[in-house]
Amino acid sequence: MNTVLLLTMSNIFMTFAWYGHLKYGHTWPLWKAILVSWLIALLEYCLAVPANRLGYVEFSGLQLKIIQEVVTIVVFIAFAVLFLKERLAWNHLVAFGCLGVAAFFAFAFRVPAPIP
């Protein structure tokens, strides 16, 4: 659970780093948007690296990536609706459902042992 929490927190930072300037940074020069994004992304890395190290004890690398992708879409949907004030359409929900099915298949079956 620590892994998912850390990945969620890191993804919140990364979402703001990548997309936060779309709402408020239009008047900024590009270099400023890049610099601010990099500073925010540094915080994201400080959370993502420990999340993956801790998680690799419990999950495979493939499972960690799938967790990260599901967290990414959940965080981005909340960000788009609450921060960017965008509307969530039915096709977005269907796409999210497909990711949920992918996550099910990644975790529902036994993971093969790593190649020595």
C-alpha atoms as a PDB file:
ATOM      1  CA  MET A   1       0.000   0.000   0.000  1.00  0.00           C
ATOM      2  CA  ASN A   2       2.929   2.365   0.593  1.00  0.00           C
ATOM      3  CA  THR A   3       3.899   1.851  -3.028  1.00  0.00           C
ATOM      4  CA  VAL A   4       0.483   2.883  -4.332  1.00  0.00           C
ATOM      5  CA  LEU A   5       0.358   5.892  -2.004  1.00  0.00           C
ATOM      6  CA  LEU A   6       3.833   7.073  -3.036  1.00  0.00           C
ATOM      7  CA  LEU A   7       3.040   6.517  -6.716  1.00  0.00           C
ATOM      8  CA  THR A   8      -0.183   8.476  -6.323  1.00  0.00           C
ATOM      9  CA  MET A   9       1.578  11.391  -4.641  1.00  0.00           C
ATOM     10  CA  SER A  10       4.371  11.363  -7.228  1.00  0.00           C
ATOM     11  CA  ASN A  11       1.850  11.284 -10.028  1.00  0.00           C
ATOM     12  CA  ILE A  12      -0.003  14.282  -8.643  1.00  0.00           C
ATOM     13  CA  PHE A  13       3.253  16.252  -8.809  1.00  0.00           C
ATOM     14  CA  MET A  14       4.015  14.985 -12.299  1.00  0.00           C
ATOM     15  CA  THR A  15       0.555  15.827 -13.585  1.00  0.00           C
ATOM     16  CA  PHE A  16       0.967  19.397 -12.360  1.00  0.00           C
ATOM     17  CA  ALA A  17       4.479  19.520 -13.824  1.00  0.00           C
ATOM     18  CA  TRP A  18       3.264  18.402 -17.241  1.00  0.00           C
ATOM     19  CA  TYR A  19      -0.172  19.984 -17.446  1.00  0.00           C
ATOM     20  CA  GLY A  20      -0.511  22.655 -14.736  1.00  0.00           C
ATOM     21  CA  HIS A  21       0.862  25.396 -16.970  1.00  0.00           C
ATOM     22  CA  LEU A  22      -1.986  24.796 -19.437  1.00  0.00           C
ATOM     23  CA  LYS A  23      -4.336  26.670 -17.128  1.00  0.00           C
ATOM     24  CA  TYR A  24      -2.128  29.406 -15.696  1.00  0.00           C
ATOM     25  CA  GLY A  25       1.080  29.504 -17.694  1.00  0.00           C
ATOM     26  CA  HIS A  26      -0.067  30.737 -21.100  1.00  0.00           C
ATOM     27  CA  THR A  27       1.522  34.132 -20.561  1.00  0.00           C
ATOM     28  CA  TRP A  28       4.809  32.625 -19.384  1.00  0.00           C
ATOM     29  CA  PRO A  29       7.706  32.294 -21.770  1.00  0.00           C
ATOM     30  CA  LEU A  30       8.367  28.675 -22.651  1.00  0.00           C
ATOM     31  CA  TRP A  31      11.638  28.583 -20.676  1.00  0.00           C
ATOM     32  CA  LYS A  32       9.768  29.543 -17.505  1.00  0.00           C
ATOM     33  CA  ALA A  33       7.126  26.844 -17.994  1.00  0.00           C
ATOM     34  CA  ILE A  34       9.923  24.297 -18.527  1.00  0.00           C
ATOM     35  CA  LEU A  35      11.862  25.448 -15.452  1.00  0.00           C
ATOM     36  CA  VAL A  36       8.815  25.409 -13.176  1.00  0.00           C
ATOM     37  CA  SER A  37       7.830  21.997 -14.542  1.00  0.00           C
ATOM     38  CA  TRP A  38      11.310  20.607 -13.877  1.00  0.00           C
ATOM     39  CA  LEU A  39      11.250  21.874 -10.298  1.00  0.00           C
ATOM     40  CA  ILE A  40       7.885  20.217  -9.711  1.00  0.00           C
ATOM     41  CA  ALA A  41       9.094  17.030 -11.432  1.00  0.00           C
ATOM     42  CA  LEU A  42      12.044  16.847  -9.033  1.00  0.00           C
ATOM     43  CA  LEU A  43       9.558  16.313  -6.205  1.00  0.00           C
ATOM     44  CA  GLU A  44       7.873  13.640  -8.301  1.00  0.00           C
ATOM     45  CA  TYR A  45      11.139  11.749  -8.712  1.00  0.00           C
ATOM     46  CA  CYS A  46      11.808  11.963  -4.970  1.00  0.00           C
ATOM     47  CA  LEU A  47       8.582   9.998  -4.459  1.00  0.00           C
ATOM     48  CA  ALA A  48       8.569   7.724  -7.519  1.00  0.00           C
ATOM     49  CA  VAL A  49      12.037   6.237  -7.032  1.00  0.00           C
ATOM     50  CA  PRO A  50      11.360   5.067  -3.435  1.00  0.00           C
ATOM     51  CA  ALA A  51       7.892   3.863  -4.484  1.00  0.00           C
ATOM     52  CA  ASN A  52       9.383   1.619  -7.143  1.00  0.00           C
ATOM     53  CA  ARG A  53      12.182   0.372  -4.892  1.00  0.00           C
ATOM     54  CA  LEU A  54       9.749  -0.513  -2.114  1.00  0.00           C
ATOM     55  CA  GLY A  55       7.257  -1.952  -4.559  1.00  0.00           C
ATOM     56  CA  TYR A  56       9.744  -4.193  -6.317  1.00  0.00           C
ATOM     57  CA  VAL A  57       9.893  -6.321  -3.171  1.00  0.00           C
ATOM     58  CA  GLU A  58       6.185  -7.117  -3.523  1.00  0.00           C
ATOM     59  CA  PHE A  59       5.475  -6.634  -7.247  1.00  0.00           C
ATOM     60  CA  SER A  60       7.223  -7.414 -10.507  1.00  0.00           C
ATOM     61  CA  GLY A  61       8.509  -4.581 -12.678  1.00  0.00           C
ATOM     62  CA  LEU A  62       5.648  -5.195 -15.095  1.00  0.00           C
ATOM     63  CA  GLN A  63       3.098  -5.007 -12.292  1.00  0.00           C
ATOM     64  CA  LEU A  64       4.659  -1.795 -10.973  1.00  0.00           C
ATOM     65  CA  LYS A  65       4.313  -0.206 -14.409  1.00  0.00           C
ATOM     66  CA  ILE A  66       0.667  -1.258 -14.657  1.00  0.00           C
ATOM     67  CA  ILE A  67      -0.032   0.157 -11.175  1.00  0.00           C
ATOM     68  CA  GLN A  68       1.642   3.392 -12.243  1.00  0.00           C
ATOM     69  CA  GLU A  69      -0.462   3.621 -15.412  1.00  0.00           C
ATOM     70  CA  VAL A  70      -3.729   3.039 -13.540  1.00  0.00           C
ATOM     71  CA  VAL A  71      -2.717   5.641 -10.944  1.00  0.00           C
ATOM     72  CA  THR A  72      -1.803   8.031 -13.772  1.00  0.00           C
ATOM     73  CA  ILE A  73      -5.221   7.819 -15.394  1.00  0.00           C
ATOM     74  CA  VAL A  74      -7.096   8.148 -12.087  1.00  0.00           C
ATOM     75  CA  VAL A  75      -5.040  11.201 -11.092  1.00  0.00           C
ATOM     76  CA  PHE A  76      -5.351  12.751 -14.533  1.00  0.00           C
ATOM     77  CA  ILE A  77      -9.124  12.297 -14.671  1.00  0.00           C
ATOM     78  CA  ALA A  78      -9.439  14.070 -11.317  1.00  0.00           C
ATOM     79  CA  PHE A  79      -7.000  16.770 -12.483  1.00  0.00           C
ATOM     80  CA  ALA A  80      -8.800  17.333 -15.791  1.00  0.00           C
ATOM     81  CA  VAL A  81     -12.222  17.572 -14.155  1.00  0.00           C
ATOM     82  CA  LEU A  82     -11.304  19.532 -11.017  1.00  0.00           C
ATOM     83  CA  PHE A  83      -8.381  21.709 -12.154  1.00  0.00           C
ATOM     84  CA  LEU A  84      -8.787  22.126 -15.916  1.00  0.00           C
ATOM     85  CA  LYS A  85     -12.615  22.057 -15.635  1.00  0.00           C
ATOM     86  CA  GLU A  86     -12.952  19.600 -18.517  1.00  0.00           C
ATOM     87  CA  ARG A  87     -15.953  17.313 -18.942  1.00  0.00           C
ATOM     88  CA  LEU A  88     -15.596  13.571 -18.607  1.00  0.00           C
ATOM     89  CA  ALA A  89     -17.287  11.789 -21.528  1.00  0.00           C
ATOM     90  CA  TRP A  90     -18.528   8.221 -21.864  1.00  0.00           C
ATOM     91  CA  ASN A  91     -15.594   7.228 -24.073  1.00  0.00           C
ATOM     92  CA  HIS A  92     -13.159   8.327 -21.346  1.00  0.00           C
ATOM     93  CA  LEU A  93     -14.931   6.004 -18.920  1.00  0.00           C
ATOM     94  CA  VAL A  94     -14.803   3.143 -21.436  1.00  0.00           C
ATOM     95  CA  ALA A  95     -11.058   3.734 -21.913  1.00  0.00           C
ATOM     96  CA  PHE A  96     -10.570   3.693 -18.147  1.00  0.00           C
ATOM     97  CA  GLY A  97     -12.553   0.465 -17.952  1.00  0.00           C
ATOM     98  CA  CYS A  98     -10.226  -1.103 -20.524  1.00  0.00           C
ATOM     99  CA  LEU A  99      -7.247  -0.138 -18.369  1.00  0.00           C
ATOM    100  CA  GLY A 100      -9.025  -1.712 -15.412  1.00  0.00           C
ATOM    101  CA  VAL A 101      -9.405  -4.948 -17.368  1.00  0.00           C
ATOM    102  CA  ALA A 102      -5.695  -4.805 -18.254  1.00  0.00           C
ATOM    103  CA  ALA A 103      -4.830  -4.350 -14.575  1.00  0.00           C
ATOM    104  CA  PHE A 104      -7.040  -7.318 -13.690  1.00  0.00           C
ATOM    105  CA  PHE A 105      -5.159  -9.573 -16.091  1.00  0.00           C
ATOM    106  CA  ALA A 106      -1.807  -8.342 -14.777  1.00  0.00           C
ATOM    107  CA  PHE A 107      -2.646  -9.268 -11.184  1.00  0.00           C
ATOM    108  CA  ALA A 108      -5.177 -12.106 -11.425  1.00  0.00           C
ATOM    109  CA  PHE A 109      -2.750 -14.804 -12.461  1.00  0.00           C
ATOM    110  CA  ARG A 110       0.471 -16.142 -11.044  1.00  0.00           C
ATOM    111  CA  VAL A 111       3.560 -14.182 -12.002  1.00  0.00           C
ATOM    112  CA  PRO A 112       6.333 -16.297 -13.559  1.00  0.00           C
ATOM    113  CA  ALA A 113       9.667 -16.335 -11.762  1.00  0.00           C
ATOM    114  CA  PRO A 114      12.328 -13.921 -13.063  1.00  0.00           C
ATOM    115  CA  ILE A 115      14.846 -15.243 -15.558  1.00  0.00           C
ATOM    116  CA  PRO A 116      18.105 -15.967 -13.721  1.00  0.00           C
END
